[in-house]
Amino acid sequence: MTARPDTATQHVTALTHHGQGRLADGTLVPRVLPGEDISPRPDGSWRIVTPSPDRVAAPCPHFNACGGCAMQHASDPLVADWKAGIVRGALAGQGIEGEVAGVLSSPPQSRRRARLAARRLKKGALLGFHARASDTVVDNPQCRILTPGLMALRPALLDLVQMAAPRSREIGLMLTDSPAGADVVVEEGRDLDVGLRQDAAAWAAAAGVARFTWNNELVALHHGPWQPMGRARVVPPPGAFLQATREGEAALVAVVRGALQGASRVADLFAGVGTFTLPLAESAEVHAVEGEGSMLEALQKGWRGAPGLHRVTTETRDLFRRPLEVADLKAFDAVVIDPPRAGAETQVRALAEARVPVVAYVSCNPASFARDAKALLAAGYCMDPITVVDQFRWSTHVELATRFSLT
């Protein structure tokens, strides 16, 4: 149910997991907070009559228009409590009582990886996130979530948009900050011809980016855009998944390392480019399983270049279609699993059947995590308190990590 005008002042009773305020009649209103009284305006928007003590001034001037953030109007403690509540609510939906150990939030201007939308104009360009529930691109020259390194690249990116974008449609720019410089990927750009390829290479040199890819074609590689992973340096493939902030990644790695302390033979499922594999290899042998072979190649190169690590083996395997079976899992005394939003229902059943002693579970979806947690608990596992990691500051996104162990 969406917001609709009414004649009377109404009370906001709760906040949904999408960050919308719920009124007593079920109406949903964006950018209001629990406990506030609001009244309708003639244009269908809402006026805050009695503000919550947790209402704050949004730090970003683009907040009212931009859909990149949903919760800049709320205090940090409220957002932390709300995100912890989302996790507790998902567990309760599966009949589980779970404890949240804490909420670790990444600071402003820490987002190192983001996909921005862009449009070419008759004069200039638009570059930013979409407006809420819209395909309108909101220009965001004072964005408060991207790293300073990515924001410093903005003038050059606007020039790139004028070069890469056709007038008829939007393009995407996947940006990743790295210690070696930015990794820039153009998505759905104009077709490269000889002249445009030369112009693109010249742009990359002038902008000082580490790597530049256009419609899956490598245009320039000045430096490998490496990321630190434990003792290793990994150069992910262009556009590859990476934890959104260094602080968030460090928090998740700390939970996983603590959960698997003492393990000697570990399987890392949905391993990606080695976010957990390589730190864990400092104290254990690790078998990394991932569906994308290019990501495992990057992981292996990072491992070979790092001194003093234990043996790391890799396996390219679609764990949704071919999960590791019970016989495979018997070789490991611990598993870390970090599935996509859908979770890993079939793989978790195999983990439970194999009685793997310790499972470190990292999730970006409390609902699918709760479903998988229920299966492990039913098999006799105990669940540690959950650490909530808020990498996507001011958003509705929630990540978490915890340990399951057999009694």
Protein backbone atom coordinates (compact mmCIF):
# COMPACT_ATOMS: atom_id res chain seq x y z
CA MET A 1 0.00 0.00 0.00
CA THR A 2 1.46 3.38 -0.94
CA ALA A 3 1.03 6.73 0.73
CA ARG A 4 -2.27 8.53 0.10
CA PRO A 5 -3.48 11.92 1.28
CA ASP A 6 -5.90 12.07 4.18
CA THR A 7 -7.40 14.98 6.07
CA ALA A 8 -6.25 14.20 9.61
CA THR A 9 -2.89 14.18 11.33
CA GLN A 10 -1.63 10.61 11.51
CA HIS A 11 0.90 8.80 13.66
CA VAL A 12 3.86 6.80 12.35
CA THR A 13 3.78 3.50 14.23
CA ALA A 14 6.74 1.61 12.80
CA LEU A 15 9.50 1.47 10.19
CA THR A 16 9.43 -1.26 7.55
CA HIS A 17 12.55 -3.12 6.46
CA HIS A 18 12.48 -0.95 3.32
CA GLY A 19 12.79 2.17 5.49
CA GLN A 20 9.23 3.42 5.06
CA GLY A 21 7.06 4.63 7.92
CA ARG A 22 3.89 2.67 8.56
CA LEU A 23 0.71 4.43 9.65
CA ALA A 24 -2.01 2.82 11.74
CA ASP A 25 -4.09 2.05 8.64
CA GLY A 26 -1.15 0.40 6.86
CA THR A 27 -0.27 3.35 4.64
CA LEU A 28 3.46 3.56 3.90
CA VAL A 29 5.21 6.93 3.86
CA PRO A 30 8.88 7.43 2.90
CA ARG A 31 11.37 9.37 4.99
CA VAL A 32 9.41 9.58 8.21
CA LEU A 33 10.29 8.01 11.54
CA PRO A 34 8.45 6.02 14.21
CA GLY A 35 6.66 8.21 16.75
CA GLU A 36 6.24 11.15 14.38
CA ASP A 37 2.89 12.81 13.72
CA ILE A 38 2.46 13.83 10.09
CA SER A 39 -0.24 15.55 8.06
CA PRO A 40 -0.93 15.57 4.30
CA ARG A 41 -0.22 18.46 1.97
CA PRO A 42 -2.41 19.24 -1.05
CA ASP A 43 0.27 17.88 -3.42
CA GLY A 44 0.16 14.46 -1.75
CA SER A 45 3.37 14.84 0.25
CA TRP A 46 3.46 14.85 4.04
CA ARG A 47 4.39 17.51 6.58
CA ILE A 48 6.13 16.59 9.83
CA VAL A 49 3.91 17.92 12.64
CA THR A 50 5.75 16.36 15.58
CA PRO A 51 9.29 15.29 14.70
CA SER A 52 11.03 12.35 16.32
CA PRO A 53 13.96 13.16 18.63
CA ASP A 54 15.93 10.85 16.31
CA ARG A 55 15.29 13.06 13.26
CA VAL A 56 18.48 14.76 12.07
CA ALA A 57 19.41 17.07 9.24
CA ALA A 58 20.52 15.07 6.22
CA PRO A 59 24.27 15.61 5.67
CA CYS A 60 23.93 15.39 1.88
CA PRO A 61 22.22 18.20 -0.09
CA HIS A 62 21.02 15.63 -2.64
CA PHE A 63 19.13 13.48 -0.13
CA ASN A 64 15.62 14.69 -0.94
CA ALA A 65 15.99 13.86 -4.63
CA CYS A 66 18.53 11.02 -4.71
CA GLY A 67 17.58 7.41 -4.15
CA GLY A 68 21.09 6.33 -3.24
CA CYS A 69 20.36 6.82 0.46
CA ALA A 70 17.14 6.16 2.37
CA MET A 71 17.93 6.99 6.01
CA GLN A 72 19.96 10.19 6.23
CA HIS A 73 17.10 11.79 8.16
CA ALA A 74 17.58 9.35 11.07
CA SER A 75 20.16 9.32 13.86
CA ASP A 76 22.89 6.70 13.79
CA PRO A 77 21.58 4.93 16.94
CA LEU A 78 18.10 4.65 15.44
CA VAL A 79 19.46 3.21 12.18
CA ALA A 80 21.61 0.71 14.08
CA ASP A 81 18.67 -0.43 16.24
CA TRP A 82 16.45 -0.64 13.17
CA LYS A 83 18.94 -2.81 11.25
CA ALA A 84 19.41 -5.08 14.26
CA GLY A 85 15.62 -5.32 14.43
CA ILE A 86 15.45 -6.40 10.79
CA VAL A 87 17.72 -9.33 11.63
CA ARG A 88 15.76 -10.24 14.76
CA GLY A 89 12.51 -10.01 12.80
CA ALA A 90 13.77 -12.32 10.06
CA LEU A 91 14.83 -14.87 12.66
CA ALA A 92 11.52 -14.58 14.48
CA GLY A 93 9.75 -15.30 11.20
CA GLN A 94 11.47 -18.71 11.26
CA GLY A 95 10.74 -19.25 14.96
CA ILE A 96 14.31 -18.46 16.03
CA GLU A 97 15.38 -16.32 18.96
CA GLY A 98 18.70 -14.76 18.03
CA GLU A 99 21.03 -12.37 19.79
CA VAL A 100 22.64 -9.44 17.98
CA ALA A 101 26.12 -8.83 19.38
CA GLY A 102 26.40 -5.39 17.86
CA VAL A 103 26.11 -3.25 14.73
CA LEU A 104 29.29 -2.06 13.01
CA SER A 105 28.67 0.84 10.63
CA SER A 106 31.04 2.04 7.95
CA PRO A 107 31.81 5.77 8.12
CA PRO A 108 30.71 8.40 5.59
CA GLN A 109 32.75 8.63 2.40
CA SER A 110 33.93 5.02 2.65
CA ARG A 111 32.10 3.33 -0.23
CA ARG A 112 34.85 2.09 -2.54
CA ARG A 113 32.67 0.29 -5.06
CA ALA A 114 29.52 1.64 -6.70
CA ARG A 115 27.59 1.61 -9.95
CA LEU A 116 26.53 5.07 -11.05
CA ALA A 117 24.01 5.89 -13.76
CA ALA A 118 24.85 8.53 -16.33
CA ARG A 119 23.19 10.47 -19.13
CA ARG A 120 24.63 12.78 -21.76
CA LEU A 121 22.97 16.17 -22.09
CA LYS A 122 23.10 18.77 -24.84
CA LYS A 123 25.51 20.60 -22.58
CA GLY A 124 27.30 18.54 -19.98
CA ALA A 125 26.19 15.31 -18.35
CA LEU A 126 24.38 13.81 -15.37
CA LEU A 127 26.17 11.33 -13.12
CA GLY A 128 24.78 9.83 -9.93
CA PHE A 129 22.25 7.40 -8.50
CA HIS A 130 18.64 7.09 -9.58
CA ALA A 131 15.86 8.94 -7.82
CA ARG A 132 13.83 6.78 -5.46
CA ALA A 133 11.59 4.36 -7.41
CA SER A 134 12.52 6.09 -10.68
CA ASP A 135 14.85 5.84 -13.66
CA THR A 136 15.69 9.55 -13.37
CA VAL A 137 19.40 10.13 -12.87
CA VAL A 138 20.11 12.51 -9.98
CA ASP A 139 23.39 14.40 -10.31
CA ASN A 140 25.30 14.10 -7.02
CA PRO A 141 28.45 16.27 -6.99
CA GLN A 142 28.45 16.36 -3.17
CA CYS A 143 27.75 12.67 -2.51
CA ARG A 144 28.51 11.69 1.09
CA ILE A 145 28.99 7.96 0.63
CA LEU A 146 31.67 7.54 -2.07
CA THR A 147 35.36 7.64 -1.15
CA PRO A 148 37.26 10.89 -1.67
CA GLY A 149 39.26 9.14 -4.38
CA LEU A 150 36.16 8.38 -6.42
CA MET A 151 34.71 11.83 -5.86
CA ALA A 152 37.95 13.45 -7.05
CA LEU A 153 37.53 11.57 -10.33
CA ARG A 154 34.10 13.08 -10.97
CA PRO A 155 35.11 15.89 -13.39
CA ALA A 156 36.92 13.37 -15.58
CA LEU A 157 33.95 10.99 -15.38
CA LEU A 158 31.60 13.71 -16.65
CA ASP A 159 33.88 14.10 -19.68
CA LEU A 160 33.78 10.33 -20.11
CA VAL A 161 29.98 10.31 -20.09
CA GLN A 162 29.89 12.85 -22.93
CA MET A 163 32.21 10.58 -24.89
CA ALA A 164 30.63 7.21 -24.04
CA ALA A 165 26.89 7.82 -23.77
CA PRO A 166 24.51 8.01 -26.73
CA ARG A 167 21.84 10.68 -26.45
CA SER A 168 19.08 8.08 -26.54
CA ARG A 169 19.83 6.10 -23.39
CA GLU A 170 21.51 5.85 -20.04
CA ILE A 171 24.83 4.15 -19.46
CA GLY A 172 26.39 2.73 -16.31
CA LEU A 173 29.79 3.36 -14.76
CA MET A 174 31.07 0.73 -12.35
CA LEU A 175 33.70 2.38 -10.17
CA THR A 176 36.08 0.73 -7.74
CA ASP A 177 38.63 2.62 -5.68
CA SER A 178 41.95 0.89 -5.06
CA PRO A 179 45.33 1.82 -3.59
CA ALA A 180 46.69 1.87 -7.15
CA GLY A 181 43.95 4.14 -8.49
CA ALA A 182 40.41 3.81 -9.76
CA ASP A 183 39.09 0.86 -11.75
CA VAL A 184 36.50 2.19 -14.23
CA VAL A 185 34.08 0.07 -16.26
CA VAL A 186 31.73 1.56 -18.87
CA GLU A 187 28.52 -0.45 -19.29
CA GLU A 188 26.22 -0.07 -22.32
CA GLY A 189 28.42 2.61 -23.86
CA ARG A 190 28.65 3.46 -27.55
CA ASP A 191 30.30 0.88 -29.76
CA LEU A 192 34.05 1.40 -29.92
CA ASP A 193 35.55 2.23 -33.29
CA VAL A 194 39.18 3.06 -34.00
CA GLY A 195 38.81 6.78 -33.29
CA LEU A 196 36.71 6.32 -30.16
CA ARG A 197 39.12 3.70 -28.83
CA GLN A 198 41.99 6.15 -29.20
CA ASP A 199 39.99 8.87 -27.46
CA ALA A 200 39.10 6.46 -24.65
CA ALA A 201 42.73 5.48 -24.13
CA ALA A 202 43.72 9.15 -24.04
CA TRP A 203 40.99 9.81 -21.46
CA ALA A 204 42.28 7.00 -19.23
CA ALA A 205 45.82 8.36 -19.37
CA ALA A 206 44.73 11.92 -18.59
CA ALA A 207 42.41 10.81 -15.77
CA GLY A 208 45.12 8.69 -14.17
CA VAL A 209 42.90 5.63 -13.68
CA ALA A 210 44.52 2.29 -12.95
CA ARG A 211 42.39 0.28 -15.37
CA PHE A 212 39.73 1.20 -17.89
CA THR A 213 37.26 -1.22 -19.46
CA TRP A 214 34.58 -0.33 -22.03
CA ASN A 215 31.76 -2.75 -22.88
CA ASN A 216 33.87 -5.70 -21.64
CA GLU A 217 36.90 -4.59 -23.69
CA LEU A 218 40.08 -3.61 -21.87
CA VAL A 219 41.09 -0.17 -23.13
CA ALA A 220 43.91 0.73 -20.74
CA LEU A 221 45.85 -0.88 -17.91
CA HIS A 222 48.28 1.49 -16.24
CA HIS A 223 48.44 -0.30 -12.89
CA GLY A 224 46.76 -3.40 -11.53
CA PRO A 225 43.91 -2.07 -9.30
CA TRP A 226 44.84 -4.33 -6.42
CA GLN A 227 43.00 -4.82 -3.16
CA PRO A 228 44.61 -5.98 0.10
CA MET A 229 43.34 -9.32 1.37
CA GLY A 230 45.27 -10.37 4.42
CA ARG A 231 48.92 -10.49 3.37
CA ALA A 232 47.99 -10.82 -0.30
CA ARG A 233 47.29 -8.30 -3.01
CA VAL A 234 44.52 -9.30 -5.40
CA VAL A 235 43.61 -7.64 -8.70
CA PRO A 236 39.90 -8.48 -9.19
CA PRO A 237 38.51 -8.84 -12.72
CA PRO A 238 36.81 -5.67 -14.03
CA GLY A 239 33.47 -5.17 -12.28
CA ALA A 240 33.96 -8.18 -10.00
CA PHE A 241 32.20 -8.36 -6.64
CA LEU A 242 34.02 -6.73 -3.78
CA GLN A 243 32.86 -5.84 -0.29
CA ALA A 244 31.55 -2.28 -0.46
CA THR A 245 33.86 -0.72 2.14
CA ARG A 246 37.25 -1.62 3.58
CA GLU A 247 35.83 -1.16 7.08
CA GLY A 248 32.92 -3.50 6.38
CA GLU A 249 35.22 -6.10 4.89
CA ALA A 250 37.52 -5.92 7.91
CA ALA A 251 34.57 -6.44 10.26
CA LEU A 252 33.33 -9.49 8.37
CA VAL A 253 36.83 -10.98 8.13
CA ALA A 254 37.29 -10.52 11.87
CA VAL A 255 34.09 -12.44 12.64
CA VAL A 256 35.03 -15.25 10.26
CA ARG A 257 38.57 -15.52 11.60
CA GLY A 258 37.28 -15.67 15.16
CA ALA A 259 34.69 -18.28 14.25
CA LEU A 260 37.22 -20.57 12.52
CA GLN A 261 40.08 -20.15 15.00
CA GLY A 262 41.95 -23.43 15.35
CA ALA A 263 40.65 -24.95 12.10
CA SER A 264 43.31 -26.56 9.91
CA ARG A 265 41.35 -27.48 6.77
CA VAL A 266 38.72 -24.97 5.60
CA ALA A 267 36.34 -24.77 2.65
CA ASP A 268 35.39 -21.26 1.48
CA LEU A 269 32.15 -21.49 -0.45
CA PHE A 270 31.21 -18.65 -2.82
CA ALA A 271 34.80 -17.53 -2.32
CA GLY A 272 34.87 -14.72 -4.88
CA VAL A 273 38.36 -13.22 -5.20
CA GLY A 274 39.48 -14.40 -1.77
CA THR A 275 38.04 -11.99 0.77
CA PHE A 276 38.05 -14.77 3.39
CA THR A 277 40.25 -17.39 1.71
CA LEU A 278 43.47 -15.39 1.84
CA PRO A 279 43.25 -14.13 5.44
CA LEU A 280 42.29 -17.65 6.57
CA ALA A 281 45.26 -19.11 4.66
CA GLU A 282 47.55 -17.44 7.18
CA SER A 283 46.68 -20.23 9.62
CA ALA A 284 44.92 -23.01 7.65
CA GLU A 285 44.77 -24.80 4.33
CA VAL A 286 41.82 -23.45 2.34
CA HIS A 287 39.85 -24.83 -0.58
CA ALA A 288 38.09 -21.97 -2.38
CA VAL A 289 34.98 -22.73 -4.43
CA GLU A 290 33.44 -20.15 -6.77
CA GLY A 291 31.36 -20.19 -9.95
CA GLU A 292 33.40 -17.56 -11.80
CA GLY A 293 36.76 -18.88 -12.97
CA SER A 294 38.22 -15.41 -13.54
CA MET A 295 37.73 -14.57 -9.88
CA LEU A 296 39.55 -17.71 -8.79
CA GLU A 297 42.40 -16.89 -11.17
CA ALA A 298 42.77 -13.53 -9.45
CA LEU A 299 42.68 -15.26 -6.05
CA GLN A 300 45.39 -17.72 -7.09
CA LYS A 301 47.67 -14.96 -8.36
CA GLY A 302 47.25 -13.12 -5.09
CA TRP A 303 48.05 -16.26 -3.10
CA ARG A 304 51.17 -17.04 -5.16
CA GLY A 305 52.48 -13.53 -4.58
CA ALA A 306 51.98 -13.54 -0.80
CA PRO A 307 54.67 -14.97 1.50
CA GLY A 308 54.08 -17.49 4.25
CA LEU A 309 50.53 -18.60 3.43
CA HIS A 310 49.25 -22.15 3.76
CA ARG A 311 48.20 -24.09 0.68
CA VAL A 312 45.18 -22.75 -1.21
CA THR A 313 43.35 -24.84 -3.78
CA THR A 314 40.51 -23.64 -6.00
CA GLU A 315 37.52 -25.18 -7.74
CA THR A 316 35.28 -23.54 -10.31
CA ARG A 317 31.81 -24.82 -9.48
CA ASP A 318 28.23 -23.54 -9.56
CA LEU A 319 27.20 -24.23 -5.98
CA PHE A 320 23.53 -23.66 -6.77
CA ARG A 321 23.47 -26.41 -9.38
CA ARG A 322 26.22 -28.58 -7.91
CA PRO A 323 26.67 -27.97 -4.19
CA LEU A 324 29.49 -29.74 -2.44
CA GLU A 325 28.20 -33.13 -1.36
CA VAL A 326 28.48 -34.80 2.02
CA ALA A 327 31.49 -36.87 0.94
CA ASP A 328 33.27 -33.72 -0.23
CA LEU A 329 32.57 -31.86 2.98
CA LYS A 330 33.90 -34.62 5.25
CA ALA A 331 37.42 -33.48 4.36
CA PHE A 332 37.00 -30.14 6.18
CA ASP A 333 36.85 -29.24 9.85
CA ALA A 334 35.33 -25.84 9.11
CA VAL A 335 33.43 -24.04 6.33
CA VAL A 336 32.85 -20.37 5.58
CA ILE A 337 29.90 -19.62 3.33
CA ASP A 338 29.03 -16.23 1.85
CA PRO A 339 26.21 -16.81 -0.65
CA PRO A 340 24.34 -14.26 -2.77
CA ARG A 341 21.02 -12.85 -1.60
CA ALA A 342 19.17 -16.08 -2.39
CA GLY A 343 21.12 -17.87 0.31
CA ALA A 344 22.30 -21.46 -0.09
CA GLU A 345 19.45 -23.74 0.94
CA THR A 346 20.66 -26.91 -0.80
CA GLN A 347 24.29 -26.41 0.20
CA VAL A 348 23.33 -25.78 3.82
CA ARG A 349 21.38 -29.04 3.92
CA ALA A 350 24.55 -30.84 2.79
CA LEU A 351 26.61 -29.03 5.44
CA ALA A 352 24.16 -30.13 8.11
CA GLU A 353 24.14 -33.72 6.88
CA ALA A 354 27.94 -33.82 6.75
CA ARG A 355 28.11 -32.54 10.33
CA VAL A 356 30.88 -30.06 9.54
CA PRO A 357 31.99 -29.01 13.06
CA VAL A 358 32.02 -25.25 12.47
CA VAL A 359 30.28 -23.06 9.89
CA ALA A 360 30.92 -19.33 9.57
CA TYR A 361 27.95 -17.85 7.72
CA VAL A 362 28.13 -14.41 6.09
CA SER A 363 24.92 -13.02 4.59
CA CYS A 364 23.59 -9.96 2.78
CA ASN A 365 19.96 -11.03 3.21
CA PRO A 366 18.53 -11.62 6.71
CA ALA A 367 15.51 -13.49 5.30
CA SER A 368 17.47 -16.17 3.42
CA PHE A 369 19.97 -16.33 6.29
CA ALA A 370 17.15 -17.06 8.75
CA ARG A 371 15.84 -19.85 6.52
CA ASP A 372 19.30 -21.44 6.30
CA ALA A 373 19.92 -20.90 10.03
CA LYS A 374 16.74 -22.83 10.80
CA ALA A 375 18.07 -25.84 8.90
CA LEU A 376 21.39 -25.78 10.78
CA LEU A 377 19.72 -25.35 14.16
CA ALA A 378 17.37 -28.24 13.41
CA ALA A 379 20.43 -30.39 12.71
CA GLY A 380 21.83 -29.71 16.17
CA TYR A 381 24.01 -26.67 15.61
CA CYS A 382 24.23 -23.78 18.05
CA MET A 383 24.30 -20.21 16.74
CA ASP A 384 26.59 -17.55 18.23
CA PRO A 385 25.44 -13.94 18.65
CA ILE A 386 25.19 -12.22 15.29
CA THR A 387 27.33 -9.28 14.21
CA VAL A 388 25.45 -6.89 11.95
CA VAL A 389 27.68 -5.03 9.50
CA ASP A 390 26.28 -1.84 8.00
CA GLN A 391 28.48 -1.34 4.93
CA PHE A 392 25.84 0.53 2.95
CA ARG A 393 25.48 3.46 5.29
CA TRP A 394 22.11 5.24 5.22
CA SER A 395 20.62 2.49 3.05
CA THR A 396 18.15 -0.31 3.80
CA HIS A 397 20.80 -2.95 3.11
CA VAL A 398 21.83 -5.26 5.98
CA GLU A 399 24.77 -7.66 6.19
CA LEU A 400 25.67 -10.02 9.00
CA ALA A 401 28.02 -12.76 10.10
CA THR A 402 27.97 -15.44 12.78
CA ARG A 403 29.24 -18.88 13.77
CA PHE A 404 27.36 -22.18 13.91
CA SER A 405 28.94 -25.05 15.84
CA LEU A 406 27.96 -28.54 16.89
CA THR A 407 27.43 -29.12 20.59
